[in-house]
Each structure stands twice: as structure tokens, then as C-alpha cells.
């Protein structure tokens, strides 16, 4: 992932998750879309 930090056990970057939150996605929205994540990951 070009030296960007990722959520452990996934290929999702921290930057991507923060971008989702910044665009008004809720934690529940993110969890429903990305089943590999848990609340603690976000």
C-alpha cells in the first residue's frame, strides 16, 4: 500500500477510513460495507 498505514488484517488504509468519516459516513455505514472491520479498527 505504498508505505501507508493499513488496518491490521485488511488492505484498507487509515487514510481511506478517515476519508470515509470526513465525507459523513457513519461507523455503522463503514462496518456494513467492509465486513472485515470491527468497531475497534475504526
PDB file of N, CA and C in Angstrom:
ATOM      1  N   UNK A   1       0.833  -1.191   0.000  1.00  0.00           N
ATOM      2  CA  UNK A   1       0.000   0.000   0.000  1.00  0.00           C
ATOM      3  C   UNK A   1       0.877   1.254   0.000  1.00  0.00           C
ATOM      4  N   UNK A   2       1.992   1.172  -0.620  1.00  0.00           N
ATOM      5  CA  UNK A   2       2.922   2.298  -0.782  1.00  0.00           C
ATOM      6  C   UNK A   2       3.266   2.997   0.529  1.00  0.00           C
ATOM      7  N   UNK A   3       3.605   2.219   1.517  1.00  0.00           N
ATOM      8  CA  UNK A   3       4.087   2.712   2.814  1.00  0.00           C
ATOM      9  C   UNK A   3       3.059   3.484   3.631  1.00  0.00           C
ATOM     10  N   UNK A   4       1.789   3.339   3.315  1.00  0.00           N
ATOM     11  CA  UNK A   4       0.742   3.969   4.114  1.00  0.00           C
ATOM     12  C   UNK A   4       0.301   2.989   5.187  1.00  0.00           C
ATOM     13  N   UNK A   5      -0.043   3.481   6.382  1.00  0.00           N
ATOM     14  CA  UNK A   5      -0.519   2.576   7.428  1.00  0.00           C
ATOM     15  C   UNK A   5      -1.870   1.966   7.036  1.00  0.00           C
ATOM     16  N   UNK A   6      -2.006   0.672   7.311  1.00  0.00           N
ATOM     17  CA  UNK A   6      -3.243  -0.041   6.994  1.00  0.00           C
ATOM     18  C   UNK A   6      -3.856  -0.612   8.267  1.00  0.00           C
ATOM     19  N   UNK A   7      -5.146  -0.878   8.192  1.00  0.00           N
ATOM     20  CA  UNK A   7      -5.841  -1.542   9.283  1.00  0.00           C
ATOM     21  C   UNK A   7      -5.374  -2.994   9.286  1.00  0.00           C
ATOM     22  N   UNK A   8      -4.929  -3.478  10.427  1.00  0.00           N
ATOM     23  CA  UNK A   8      -4.354  -4.815  10.533  1.00  0.00           C
ATOM     24  C   UNK A   8      -5.316  -5.873   9.981  1.00  0.00           C
ATOM     25  N   UNK A   9      -4.778  -6.728   9.137  1.00  0.00           N
ATOM     26  CA  UNK A   9      -5.551  -7.822   8.569  1.00  0.00           C
ATOM     27  C   UNK A   9      -6.411  -7.421   7.375  1.00  0.00           C
ATOM     28  N   UNK A  10      -6.258  -6.183   6.911  1.00  0.00           N
ATOM     29  CA  UNK A  10      -7.016  -5.728   5.744  1.00  0.00           C
ATOM     30  C   UNK A  10      -6.069  -5.025   4.782  1.00  0.00           C
ATOM     31  N   UNK A  11      -6.609  -4.600   3.670  1.00  0.00           N
ATOM     32  CA  UNK A  11      -5.857  -3.771   2.733  1.00  0.00           C
ATOM     33  C   UNK A  11      -6.432  -2.365   2.712  1.00  0.00           C
ATOM     34  N   UNK A  12      -7.130  -1.989   3.776  1.00  0.00           N
ATOM     35  CA  UNK A  12      -7.732  -0.661   3.876  1.00  0.00           C
ATOM     36  C   UNK A  12      -6.775   0.266   4.609  1.00  0.00           C
ATOM     37  N   UNK A  13      -6.455   1.385   3.980  1.00  0.00           N
ATOM     38  CA  UNK A  13      -5.544   2.325   4.619  1.00  0.00           C
ATOM     39  C   UNK A  13      -6.284   3.162   5.661  1.00  0.00           C
ATOM     40  N   UNK A  14      -5.535   3.627   6.622  1.00  0.00           N
ATOM     41  CA  UNK A  14      -6.081   4.527   7.637  1.00  0.00           C
ATOM     42  C   UNK A  14      -6.594   5.786   6.953  1.00  0.00           C
ATOM     43  N   UNK A  15      -5.862   6.274   5.978  1.00  0.00           N
ATOM     44  CA  UNK A  15      -6.263   7.460   5.231  1.00  0.00           C
ATOM     45  C   UNK A  15      -7.628   7.249   4.568  1.00  0.00           C
ATOM     46  N   UNK A  16      -7.872   6.070   4.019  1.00  0.00           N
ATOM     47  CA  UNK A  16      -9.149   5.772   3.374  1.00  0.00           C
ATOM     48  C   UNK A  16     -10.292   5.828   4.381  1.00  0.00           C
ATOM     49  N   UNK A  17     -10.095   5.230   5.557  1.00  0.00           N
ATOM     50  CA  UNK A  17     -11.132   5.218   6.595  1.00  0.00           C
ATOM     51  C   UNK A  17     -11.407   6.641   7.084  1.00  0.00           C
ATOM     52  N   UNK A  18     -10.360   7.417   7.283  1.00  0.00           N
ATOM     53  CA  UNK A  18     -10.547   8.802   7.714  1.00  0.00           C
ATOM     54  C   UNK A  18     -11.296   9.589   6.632  1.00  0.00           C
ATOM     55  N   UNK A  19     -11.002   9.309   5.391  1.00  0.00           N
ATOM     56  CA  UNK A  19     -11.713   9.963   4.292  1.00  0.00           C
ATOM     57  C   UNK A  19     -13.193   9.630   4.296  1.00  0.00           C
ATOM     58  N   UNK A  20     -13.521   8.376   4.582  1.00  0.00           N
ATOM     59  CA  UNK A  20     -14.931   7.992   4.674  1.00  0.00           C
ATOM     60  C   UNK A  20     -15.622   8.747   5.803  1.00  0.00           C
ATOM     61  N   UNK A  21     -14.955   8.821   6.946  1.00  0.00           N
ATOM     62  CA  UNK A  21     -15.536   9.550   8.082  1.00  0.00           C
ATOM     63  C   UNK A  21     -15.680  11.041   7.769  1.00  0.00           C
ATOM     64  N   UNK A  22     -14.715  11.600   7.070  1.00  0.00           N
ATOM     65  CA  UNK A  22     -14.769  13.018   6.717  1.00  0.00           C
ATOM     66  C   UNK A  22     -15.892  13.309   5.730  1.00  0.00           C
ATOM     67  N   UNK A  23     -16.268  12.305   4.943  1.00  0.00           N
ATOM     68  CA  UNK A  23     -17.348  12.503   3.981  1.00  0.00           C
ATOM     69  C   UNK A  23     -18.699  12.106   4.564  1.00  0.00           C
ATOM     70  N   UNK A  24     -18.767  12.125   5.882  1.00  0.00           N
ATOM     71  CA  UNK A  24     -20.019  11.918   6.632  1.00  0.00           C
ATOM     72  C   UNK A  24     -20.516  10.478   6.680  1.00  0.00           C
ATOM     73  N   UNK A  25     -19.671   9.506   6.380  1.00  0.00           N
ATOM     74  CA  UNK A  25     -20.056   8.114   6.575  1.00  0.00           C
ATOM     75  C   UNK A  25     -20.027   7.829   8.074  1.00  0.00           C
ATOM     76  N   UNK A  26     -21.002   7.092   8.552  1.00  0.00           N
ATOM     77  CA  UNK A  26     -21.014   6.733   9.969  1.00  0.00           C
ATOM     78  C   UNK A  26     -20.203   5.461  10.171  1.00  0.00           C
ATOM     79  N   UNK A  27     -19.866   5.191  11.411  1.00  0.00           N
ATOM     80  CA  UNK A  27     -19.149   3.955  11.738  1.00  0.00           C
ATOM     81  C   UNK A  27     -19.985   2.755  11.304  1.00  0.00           C
ATOM     82  N   UNK A  28     -21.291   2.810  11.535  1.00  0.00           N
ATOM     83  CA  UNK A  28     -22.169   1.708  11.122  1.00  0.00           C
ATOM     84  C   UNK A  28     -22.166   1.526   9.607  1.00  0.00           C
ATOM     85  N   UNK A  29     -22.141   2.625   8.853  1.00  0.00           N
ATOM     86  CA  UNK A  29     -22.069   2.534   7.388  1.00  0.00           C
ATOM     87  C   UNK A  29     -20.801   1.809   6.962  1.00  0.00           C
ATOM     88  N   UNK A  30     -19.689   2.195   7.566  1.00  0.00           N
ATOM     89  CA  UNK A  30     -18.399   1.609   7.203  1.00  0.00           C
ATOM     90  C   UNK A  30     -18.366   0.123   7.571  1.00  0.00           C
ATOM     91  N   UNK A  31     -18.862  -0.207   8.750  1.00  0.00           N
ATOM     92  CA  UNK A  31     -18.863  -1.605   9.183  1.00  0.00           C
ATOM     93  C   UNK A  31     -19.747  -2.468   8.294  1.00  0.00           C
ATOM     94  N   UNK A  32     -20.856  -1.927   7.832  1.00  0.00           N
ATOM     95  CA  UNK A  32     -21.739  -2.720   6.972  1.00  0.00           C
ATOM     96  C   UNK A  32     -21.133  -2.918   5.585  1.00  0.00           C
ATOM     97  N   UNK A  33     -20.349  -1.968   5.129  1.00  0.00           N
ATOM     98  CA  UNK A  33     -19.736  -2.056   3.802  1.00  0.00           C
ATOM     99  C   UNK A  33     -18.468  -2.917   3.803  1.00  0.00           C
ATOM    100  N   UNK A  34     -17.720  -2.890   4.898  1.00  0.00           N
ATOM    101  CA  UNK A  34     -16.439  -3.605   4.989  1.00  0.00           C
ATOM    102  C   UNK A  34     -16.505  -4.587   6.154  1.00  0.00           C
ATOM    103  N   UNK A  35     -16.936  -5.786   5.867  1.00  0.00           N
ATOM    104  CA  UNK A  35     -17.203  -6.783   6.914  1.00  0.00           C
ATOM    105  C   UNK A  35     -15.945  -7.239   7.660  1.00  0.00           C
ATOM    106  N   UNK A  36     -14.772  -7.001   7.111  1.00  0.00           N
ATOM    107  CA  UNK A  36     -13.520  -7.405   7.777  1.00  0.00           C
ATOM    108  C   UNK A  36     -13.183  -6.483   8.952  1.00  0.00           C
ATOM    109  N   UNK A  37     -13.839  -5.323   9.026  1.00  0.00           N
ATOM    110  CA  UNK A  37     -13.543  -4.355  10.081  1.00  0.00           C
ATOM    111  C   UNK A  37     -14.400  -4.593  11.309  1.00  0.00           C
ATOM    112  N   UNK A  38     -13.860  -4.170  12.436  1.00  0.00           N
ATOM    113  CA  UNK A  38     -14.583  -4.156  13.689  1.00  0.00           C
ATOM    114  C   UNK A  38     -14.584  -2.725  14.216  1.00  0.00           C
ATOM    115  N   UNK A  39     -15.460  -2.426  15.142  1.00  0.00           N
ATOM    116  CA  UNK A  39     -15.575  -1.076  15.670  1.00  0.00           C
ATOM    117  C   UNK A  39     -14.218  -0.570  16.170  1.00  0.00           C
ATOM    118  N   UNK A  40     -13.447  -1.416  16.823  1.00  0.00           N
ATOM    119  CA  UNK A  40     -12.154  -1.010  17.364  1.00  0.00           C
ATOM    120  C   UNK A  40     -11.189  -0.600  16.251  1.00  0.00           C
ATOM    121  N   UNK A  41     -11.361  -1.139  15.056  1.00  0.00           N
ATOM    122  CA  UNK A  41     -10.485  -0.775  13.943  1.00  0.00           C
ATOM    123  C   UNK A  41     -10.697   0.670  13.519  1.00  0.00           C
ATOM    124  N   UNK A  42     -11.918   1.135  13.676  1.00  0.00           N
ATOM    125  CA  UNK A  42     -12.242   2.491  13.254  1.00  0.00           C
ATOM    126  C   UNK A  42     -11.960   3.455  14.383  1.00  0.00           C
TER     127      UNK A  42
END
